[in-house]
Amino acid sequence: MILAIVGPTGVGKTKLSIELAKIYQGEIINCDSMQIYKGLDVGTAKITKEEMQKIPHHLLSIKNVEENYSVFDFQKDARNKIEEIKAKGKVPIFVGGTGYYLKAALYDYDFLEEKDIKDNKYEIFSNEELVEKIDEYNLDIVYDKNNRKRLVRLLSLLEAGNVPQKKDYTLLYDDCIFIGLTTDREVLYDRINKRFLDMLVPLIDEVKPFCINNIKSKALQTGIGYKEFYPFFENKKTLKETVEECQKNSRNYAKRQYTWFQNQMDINWFNVNFNDFLSTINEIVAYIDTQNKK
């Protein structure tokens, strides 16, 4: 069995993963593209050592922020971890909101290595401008609008006359169970806003050294809660403006996560009872046990 816990930011995936790992003798594979990096802990709501409760975690804090780490790299690493965990008689449990990483690991995706993708022609364009050019083609596909290399590759294909079609990918593992956590949209947005305010002080301490030392790696320039602080430390934006932008970007990201998962995977969704999380756990365990009996 392989479990995959998905859903938008701030909905309780981490808490659920620990409980399911204890019940099913599982080990957790991180599926959040930002939690790959060391030192990006507060802004990514990375699980702490205490919260892990001695459950083994994989692909968490394995790269420095200056290093590049692609979905191609994750695909190789995650599949190796699946085999390692299963060889120990344990259950791999994927947890995270980066759907593209999860699909790359579990489905028959093929990628070009990063070194095969050239950016020279498009380096004058921002990510937003690349998205605008791609959207002019009115494609019926879902793509990651925050990954520059994929944007460049997609636009170059389009300009060469190669229009990709929406494709159904084959699931490589027939024992996967996909669990999605959801809640009322307004409740989720309120939780996102409050969580950001709760983490604000330690987040400023975390991001400040990167900003004042002008470290602008790919991870820091794409991660919500990090890229927005550069103008603040350059005295171009107030703290209030920065906080509001982070909250807005987090809400929009949650909305995109919903759209992605609903279009790309067959997810079994469960409404989270935040006042009685145990009831949510019990409901999901009953579902998993039923699936295992089939």
Protein backbone atom coordinates (compact mmCIF):
# COMPACT_ATOMS: atom_id res chain seq x y z
CA MET A 1 0.00 0.00 0.00
CA ILE A 2 1.03 3.58 -0.75
CA LEU A 3 -0.84 6.47 0.85
CA ALA A 4 -0.88 9.99 -0.57
CA ILE A 5 -2.27 12.83 1.54
CA VAL A 6 -2.99 15.94 -0.49
CA GLY A 7 -4.89 19.19 -0.20
CA PRO A 8 -4.35 22.93 0.09
CA THR A 9 -2.01 24.61 2.51
CA GLY A 10 -3.23 24.89 6.10
CA VAL A 11 -5.74 22.04 6.08
CA GLY A 12 -4.07 19.53 8.41
CA LYS A 13 -2.10 17.19 6.15
CA THR A 14 0.90 16.97 8.47
CA LYS A 15 -1.16 16.10 11.54
CA LEU A 16 -3.05 13.40 9.64
CA SER A 17 0.16 11.92 8.23
CA ILE A 18 1.61 11.29 11.68
CA GLU A 19 -1.51 9.52 12.89
CA LEU A 20 -1.75 7.33 9.79
CA ALA A 21 1.96 6.51 10.02
CA LYS A 22 1.42 5.25 13.57
CA ILE A 23 -1.61 3.19 12.57
CA TYR A 24 -0.19 1.63 9.39
CA GLN A 25 3.53 1.41 10.26
CA GLY A 26 4.35 4.10 7.75
CA GLU A 27 7.27 6.30 6.81
CA ILE A 28 6.63 9.72 5.38
CA ILE A 29 7.91 11.09 2.07
CA ASN A 30 7.78 14.87 1.81
CA CYS A 31 5.92 16.09 -1.27
CA ASP A 32 6.28 19.84 -0.78
CA SER A 33 8.73 21.40 -3.21
CA MET A 34 9.81 24.10 -0.73
CA GLN A 35 10.31 21.79 2.24
CA ILE A 36 13.09 20.10 0.27
CA TYR A 37 15.32 23.01 1.33
CA LYS A 38 17.25 23.48 4.56
CA GLY A 39 16.55 26.67 6.48
CA LEU A 40 13.11 27.25 4.97
CA ASP A 41 11.23 25.99 7.99
CA VAL A 42 8.86 28.66 9.30
CA GLY A 43 7.51 29.91 5.98
CA THR A 44 6.87 26.39 4.70
CA ALA A 45 5.28 25.23 7.99
CA LYS A 46 7.79 22.40 8.02
CA ILE A 47 7.19 19.69 10.58
CA THR A 48 9.38 19.94 13.68
CA LYS A 49 11.38 17.09 15.21
CA GLU A 50 8.95 16.96 18.13
CA GLU A 51 5.93 16.80 15.82
CA MET A 52 7.48 13.89 13.92
CA GLN A 53 7.06 11.70 17.01
CA LYS A 54 10.00 9.56 15.85
CA ILE A 55 8.26 8.71 12.56
CA PRO A 56 10.94 8.54 9.79
CA HIS A 57 10.67 11.38 7.27
CA HIS A 58 12.30 11.42 3.84
CA LEU A 59 13.22 14.11 1.26
CA LEU A 60 12.92 16.81 3.91
CA SER A 61 15.63 19.50 4.24
CA ILE A 62 17.98 17.72 1.83
CA LYS A 63 19.18 20.72 -0.22
CA ASN A 64 20.66 24.13 0.47
CA VAL A 65 18.62 27.07 -0.81
CA GLU A 66 21.28 27.92 -3.39
CA GLU A 67 20.99 24.48 -4.97
CA ASN A 68 18.55 23.61 -7.72
CA TYR A 69 16.21 20.69 -7.26
CA SER A 70 13.74 19.82 -9.98
CA VAL A 71 10.69 17.62 -10.36
CA PHE A 72 12.98 15.35 -12.39
CA ASP A 73 15.19 14.95 -9.31
CA PHE A 74 12.19 14.37 -7.07
CA GLN A 75 10.82 11.67 -9.35
CA LYS A 76 14.03 9.64 -9.06
CA ASP A 77 14.44 10.20 -5.33
CA ALA A 78 10.81 9.50 -4.46
CA ARG A 79 10.67 6.24 -6.43
CA ASN A 80 13.84 5.07 -4.71
CA LYS A 81 12.28 5.89 -1.34
CA ILE A 82 9.15 3.91 -2.20
CA GLU A 83 11.26 0.83 -2.84
CA GLU A 84 13.39 1.35 0.29
CA ILE A 85 10.37 1.79 2.55
CA LYS A 86 8.46 -1.14 1.09
CA ALA A 87 11.54 -3.36 1.41
CA LYS A 88 11.38 -2.76 5.17
CA GLY A 89 7.75 -3.86 5.26
CA LYS A 90 6.60 -0.29 5.90
CA VAL A 91 3.99 1.86 4.16
CA PRO A 92 5.19 4.88 2.11
CA ILE A 93 3.05 7.93 2.93
CA PHE A 94 3.37 10.94 0.63
CA VAL A 95 2.43 14.23 2.25
CA GLY A 96 2.41 17.67 0.66
CA GLY A 97 0.67 20.11 -1.59
CA THR A 98 2.95 20.03 -4.64
CA GLY A 99 0.75 17.97 -6.90
CA TYR A 100 3.15 17.97 -9.81
CA TYR A 101 5.81 16.30 -7.66
CA LEU A 102 3.37 13.64 -6.51
CA LYS A 103 2.15 12.89 -10.01
CA ALA A 104 5.71 12.68 -11.29
CA ALA A 105 6.54 10.11 -8.62
CA LEU A 106 3.50 7.87 -9.01
CA TYR A 107 2.60 8.16 -12.71
CA ASP A 108 4.47 7.42 -15.93
CA TYR A 109 5.81 10.93 -16.44
CA ASP A 110 8.94 11.35 -18.56
CA PHE A 111 11.15 14.42 -18.25
CA LEU A 112 14.10 16.03 -19.90
CA GLU A 113 16.91 16.74 -17.46
CA GLU A 114 17.24 20.38 -16.49
CA LYS A 115 20.49 20.73 -18.44
CA ASP A 116 18.60 19.92 -21.66
CA ILE A 117 16.32 22.96 -21.30
CA LYS A 118 17.68 26.26 -22.56
CA ASP A 119 16.49 29.63 -21.20
CA ASN A 120 18.57 32.04 -23.31
CA LYS A 121 15.87 33.25 -25.70
CA TYR A 122 13.37 33.92 -22.94
CA GLU A 123 15.54 35.37 -20.18
CA ILE A 124 14.21 38.89 -20.87
CA PHE A 125 10.68 37.79 -19.87
CA SER A 126 9.34 37.47 -16.35
CA ASN A 127 7.38 34.38 -15.32
CA GLU A 128 4.17 36.40 -15.56
CA GLU A 129 4.99 37.44 -19.14
CA LEU A 130 5.75 33.83 -20.09
CA VAL A 131 2.36 32.78 -18.69
CA GLU A 132 0.63 35.51 -20.70
CA LYS A 133 2.27 34.28 -23.90
CA ILE A 134 1.33 30.66 -23.15
CA ASP A 135 -2.27 31.58 -22.34
CA GLU A 136 -2.64 33.15 -25.78
CA TYR A 137 -2.69 29.59 -27.16
CA ASN A 138 -5.88 28.74 -25.16
CA LEU A 139 -4.57 25.33 -24.14
CA ASP A 140 -6.77 22.71 -22.48
CA ILE A 141 -3.99 21.64 -20.14
CA VAL A 142 -2.94 22.35 -16.57
CA TYR A 143 0.64 23.54 -16.08
CA ASP A 144 2.74 24.92 -13.25
CA LYS A 145 2.84 28.70 -13.61
CA ASN A 146 5.58 29.10 -10.99
CA ASN A 147 8.25 26.85 -12.52
CA ARG A 148 10.28 28.93 -14.95
CA LYS A 149 12.03 26.07 -16.69
CA ARG A 150 8.73 24.36 -17.48
CA LEU A 151 7.24 27.65 -18.67
CA VAL A 152 10.19 28.18 -21.02
CA ARG A 153 10.00 24.62 -22.31
CA LEU A 154 6.24 24.80 -22.89
CA LEU A 155 6.43 28.15 -24.69
CA SER A 156 9.29 26.97 -26.87
CA LEU A 157 7.23 23.91 -27.89
CA LEU A 158 4.22 26.08 -28.68
CA GLU A 159 6.23 28.51 -30.78
CA ALA A 160 7.66 25.55 -32.70
CA GLY A 161 4.12 24.40 -33.52
CA ASN A 162 4.04 21.51 -31.03
CA VAL A 163 0.80 21.89 -29.08
CA PRO A 164 0.66 19.44 -26.17
CA GLN A 165 -2.64 17.71 -25.59
CA LYS A 166 -4.27 16.88 -22.31
CA LYS A 167 -3.11 13.37 -21.49
CA ASP A 168 -4.19 10.65 -19.10
CA TYR A 169 -1.12 9.23 -17.42
CA THR A 170 -0.90 5.68 -16.13
CA LEU A 171 -0.58 5.11 -12.40
CA LEU A 172 2.53 2.99 -11.88
CA TYR A 173 1.52 1.56 -8.51
CA ASP A 174 -1.80 -0.28 -8.23
CA ASP A 175 -1.89 -0.06 -4.43
CA CYS A 176 -2.12 3.73 -4.12
CA ILE A 177 -4.82 5.32 -2.01
CA PHE A 178 -5.27 9.08 -2.43
CA ILE A 179 -6.65 11.04 0.51
CA GLY A 180 -7.63 14.69 0.08
CA LEU A 181 -8.34 17.04 2.96
CA THR A 182 -10.71 19.92 2.37
CA THR A 183 -12.86 22.43 4.21
CA ASP A 184 -15.13 25.36 3.50
CA ARG A 185 -13.24 27.89 1.40
CA GLU A 186 -13.85 30.80 3.79
CA VAL A 187 -12.75 28.70 6.76
CA LEU A 188 -9.59 27.75 4.91
CA TYR A 189 -8.78 31.33 3.95
CA ASP A 190 -9.31 32.47 7.54
CA ARG A 191 -6.95 29.72 8.78
CA ILE A 192 -4.34 30.73 6.20
CA ASN A 193 -4.52 34.38 7.23
CA LYS A 194 -4.27 33.60 10.94
CA ARG A 195 -1.48 31.07 10.50
CA PHE A 196 0.60 33.62 8.64
CA LEU A 197 0.18 36.18 11.41
CA ASP A 198 1.14 33.57 14.00
CA MET A 199 4.38 32.78 12.17
CA LEU A 200 5.23 36.38 11.23
CA VAL A 201 7.89 37.19 13.85
CA PRO A 202 9.93 33.97 13.44
CA LEU A 203 9.44 34.16 9.67
CA ILE A 204 11.00 37.63 9.54
CA ASP A 205 13.98 36.28 11.49
CA GLU A 206 14.24 33.38 9.05
CA VAL A 207 14.02 35.36 5.82
CA LYS A 208 16.03 38.44 6.90
CA PRO A 209 19.54 36.95 6.36
CA PHE A 210 18.60 35.89 2.82
CA CYS A 211 17.24 39.33 1.98
CA ILE A 212 20.00 41.46 3.47
CA ASN A 213 22.65 39.25 1.87
CA ASN A 214 20.79 39.46 -1.45
CA ILE A 215 20.56 35.69 -1.82
CA LYS A 216 18.06 35.22 -4.64
CA SER A 217 18.04 31.55 -5.46
CA LYS A 218 15.24 29.82 -7.37
CA ALA A 219 13.73 28.53 -4.13
CA LEU A 220 13.69 31.94 -2.47
CA GLN A 221 12.29 33.67 -5.54
CA THR A 222 9.39 31.25 -5.91
CA GLY A 223 8.45 30.40 -2.33
CA ILE A 224 5.46 32.26 -0.89
CA GLY A 225 6.45 33.97 2.32
CA TYR A 226 9.98 34.54 1.11
CA LYS A 227 9.97 36.37 -2.23
CA GLU A 228 7.52 38.98 -0.89
CA PHE A 229 9.94 40.13 1.82
CA TYR A 230 12.71 41.36 -0.47
CA PRO A 231 10.93 44.68 -1.25
CA PHE A 232 10.25 45.11 2.48
CA PHE A 233 13.92 44.85 3.39
CA GLU A 234 14.74 47.17 0.49
CA ASN A 235 12.35 49.75 2.02
CA LYS A 236 10.09 49.57 -1.01
CA LYS A 237 7.08 48.13 0.83
CA THR A 238 5.68 48.40 4.33
CA LEU A 239 5.30 45.40 6.61
CA LYS A 240 1.53 45.70 6.33
CA GLU A 241 1.71 45.57 2.53
CA THR A 242 4.09 42.61 2.71
CA VAL A 243 1.85 40.66 5.08
CA GLU A 244 -1.24 41.31 2.96
CA GLU A 245 0.60 40.20 -0.18
CA CYS A 246 1.78 36.99 1.50
CA GLN A 247 -1.72 36.21 2.73
CA LYS A 248 -3.23 36.90 -0.69
CA ASN A 249 -0.62 34.79 -2.47
CA SER A 250 -1.17 31.94 0.01
CA ARG A 251 -4.94 32.04 -0.56
CA ASN A 252 -4.47 32.07 -4.32
CA TYR A 253 -2.05 29.17 -4.07
CA ALA A 254 -4.61 27.17 -2.10
CA LYS A 255 -7.16 27.87 -4.83
CA ARG A 256 -4.71 26.66 -7.50
CA GLN A 257 -3.98 23.53 -5.46
CA TYR A 258 -7.67 22.63 -5.43
CA THR A 259 -7.94 23.17 -9.17
CA TRP A 260 -4.84 21.11 -9.90
CA PHE A 261 -5.81 18.10 -7.81
CA GLN A 262 -9.40 18.08 -9.06
CA ASN A 263 -8.19 18.06 -12.67
CA GLN A 264 -5.23 15.73 -12.37
CA MET A 265 -5.99 12.93 -9.90
CA ASP A 266 -8.77 10.72 -8.62
CA ILE A 267 -8.80 12.02 -5.05
CA ASN A 268 -11.12 10.88 -2.26
CA TRP A 269 -11.93 14.10 -0.41
CA PHE A 270 -12.72 14.37 3.31
CA ASN A 271 -14.06 17.44 5.06
CA VAL A 272 -11.87 18.21 8.06
CA ASN A 273 -13.49 18.61 11.45
CA PHE A 274 -11.02 20.99 13.10
CA ASN A 275 -12.91 20.83 16.41
CA ASP A 276 -12.76 17.03 16.47
CA PHE A 277 -9.86 15.98 14.28
CA LEU A 278 -10.03 12.45 15.66
CA SER A 279 -13.36 11.97 13.92
CA THR A 280 -11.72 12.92 10.62
CA ILE A 281 -8.92 10.44 11.26
CA ASN A 282 -11.40 7.67 12.06
CA GLU A 283 -13.38 8.37 8.90
CA ILE A 284 -10.25 8.19 6.76
CA VAL A 285 -8.97 5.02 8.47
CA ALA A 286 -12.33 3.33 7.83
CA TYR A 287 -12.06 4.30 4.15
CA ILE A 288 -8.47 3.01 3.85
CA ASP A 289 -9.39 -0.28 5.50
CA THR A 290 -12.32 -0.71 3.12
CA GLN A 291 -10.08 -0.05 0.11
CA ASN A 292 -7.53 -2.59 1.36
CA LYS A 293 -10.19 -5.29 1.50
CA LYS A 294 -11.05 -4.92 -2.18
